[in-house]
Amino acid sequence: MTTEPDDDRLLKLDEVKDIVGLGKTMIYRLEREGKFPQRFKPGGWSSRWSEREVRAWKDAQRAA
């Protein structure tokens, strides 16, 4: 029996850009407007996004 891990990786900005095909400025603008998943601030200056949320956003964009 095959099961998928229930892990939700936290992605760096470069990984998010590769997945959604948008640049940093557009990602931050959409996030500010409430149209893109919010980032996590795990500590310091770093920002991370939920892989699950980013991929769900991308799928929703394709469906629209």
C-alpha atoms as a PDB file:
ATOM      1  CA  MET A   1       0.000   0.000   0.000  1.00  0.00           C
ATOM      2  CA  THR A   2       1.389   3.392  -0.997  1.00  0.00           C
ATOM      3  CA  THR A   3       0.718   6.444   1.093  1.00  0.00           C
ATOM      4  CA  GLU A   4       1.745   9.996   0.449  1.00  0.00           C
ATOM      5  CA  PRO A   5       3.482  11.822   3.253  1.00  0.00           C
ATOM      6  CA  ASP A   6       1.358  14.375   5.048  1.00  0.00           C
ATOM      7  CA  ASP A   7       4.277  16.785   5.098  1.00  0.00           C
ATOM      8  CA  ASP A   8       3.768  20.317   3.916  1.00  0.00           C
ATOM      9  CA  ARG A   9       7.176  21.660   2.941  1.00  0.00           C
ATOM     10  CA  LEU A  10       7.991  25.292   3.465  1.00  0.00           C
ATOM     11  CA  LEU A  11       9.308  26.789   0.245  1.00  0.00           C
ATOM     12  CA  LYS A  12      11.836  29.556  -0.276  1.00  0.00           C
ATOM     13  CA  LEU A  13      10.972  32.423  -2.611  1.00  0.00           C
ATOM     14  CA  ASP A  14      13.018  30.988  -5.495  1.00  0.00           C
ATOM     15  CA  GLU A  15      11.077  27.715  -5.289  1.00  0.00           C
ATOM     16  CA  VAL A  16       7.754  29.592  -5.228  1.00  0.00           C
ATOM     17  CA  LYS A  17       8.807  31.619  -8.288  1.00  0.00           C
ATOM     18  CA  ASP A  18       9.684  28.412 -10.159  1.00  0.00           C
ATOM     19  CA  ILE A  19       6.335  26.799  -9.338  1.00  0.00           C
ATOM     20  CA  VAL A  20       4.042  29.722 -10.171  1.00  0.00           C
ATOM     21  CA  GLY A  21       6.104  31.401 -12.884  1.00  0.00           C
ATOM     22  CA  LEU A  22       5.880  34.862 -11.329  1.00  0.00           C
ATOM     23  CA  GLY A  23       8.551  37.245 -10.114  1.00  0.00           C
ATOM     24  CA  LYS A  24       9.169  38.453  -6.584  1.00  0.00           C
ATOM     25  CA  THR A  25       7.410  41.788  -7.031  1.00  0.00           C
ATOM     26  CA  MET A  26       4.209  40.221  -8.397  1.00  0.00           C
ATOM     27  CA  ILE A  27       4.144  37.546  -5.679  1.00  0.00           C
ATOM     28  CA  TYR A  28       4.445  40.159  -2.933  1.00  0.00           C
ATOM     29  CA  ARG A  29       1.855  42.397  -4.611  1.00  0.00           C
ATOM     30  CA  LEU A  30      -0.678  39.562  -4.913  1.00  0.00           C
ATOM     31  CA  GLU A  31       0.024  38.559  -1.319  1.00  0.00           C
ATOM     32  CA  ARG A  32      -0.604  42.128  -0.116  1.00  0.00           C
ATOM     33  CA  GLU A  33      -3.896  42.176  -2.039  1.00  0.00           C
ATOM     34  CA  GLY A  34      -4.964  38.895  -0.427  1.00  0.00           C
ATOM     35  CA  LYS A  35      -4.802  37.037  -3.753  1.00  0.00           C
ATOM     36  CA  PHE A  36      -1.816  34.795  -2.969  1.00  0.00           C
ATOM     37  CA  PRO A  37      -1.003  32.565   0.024  1.00  0.00           C
ATOM     38  CA  GLN A  38       0.514  34.378   2.985  1.00  0.00           C
ATOM     39  CA  ARG A  39       4.133  33.662   3.848  1.00  0.00           C
ATOM     40  CA  PHE A  40       5.401  32.348   7.146  1.00  0.00           C
ATOM     41  CA  LYS A  41       8.177  34.090   9.064  1.00  0.00           C
ATOM     42  CA  PRO A  42       9.934  31.205  10.851  1.00  0.00           C
ATOM     43  CA  GLY A  43      12.588  33.501  12.267  1.00  0.00           C
ATOM     44  CA  GLY A  44      14.949  36.254  11.383  1.00  0.00           C
ATOM     45  CA  TRP A  45      14.600  37.663   7.881  1.00  0.00           C
ATOM     46  CA  SER A  46      13.530  34.424   6.241  1.00  0.00           C
ATOM     47  CA  SER A  47      10.141  33.956   4.594  1.00  0.00           C
ATOM     48  CA  ARG A  48       8.602  30.645   3.601  1.00  0.00           C
ATOM     49  CA  TRP A  49       5.402  29.607   1.853  1.00  0.00           C
ATOM     50  CA  SER A  50       3.377  26.438   2.296  1.00  0.00           C
ATOM     51  CA  GLU A  51       3.958  24.194  -0.718  1.00  0.00           C
ATOM     52  CA  ARG A  52       0.433  22.855  -0.411  1.00  0.00           C
ATOM     53  CA  GLU A  53      -1.079  26.372  -0.475  1.00  0.00           C
ATOM     54  CA  VAL A  54       1.122  27.534  -3.374  1.00  0.00           C
ATOM     55  CA  ARG A  55       0.234  24.504  -5.497  1.00  0.00           C
ATOM     56  CA  ALA A  56      -3.478  24.887  -4.654  1.00  0.00           C
ATOM     57  CA  TRP A  57      -3.282  28.554  -5.733  1.00  0.00           C
ATOM     58  CA  LYS A  58      -1.617  27.551  -8.998  1.00  0.00           C
ATOM     59  CA  ASP A  59      -4.279  24.898  -9.678  1.00  0.00           C
ATOM     60  CA  ALA A  60      -7.041  27.451  -8.983  1.00  0.00           C
ATOM     61  CA  GLN A  61      -5.444  29.870 -11.470  1.00  0.00           C
ATOM     62  CA  ARG A  62      -5.408  27.184 -14.141  1.00  0.00           C
ATOM     63  CA  ALA A  63      -9.063  26.351 -13.493  1.00  0.00           C
ATOM     64  CA  ALA A  64     -10.159  29.995 -13.728  1.00  0.00           C
END
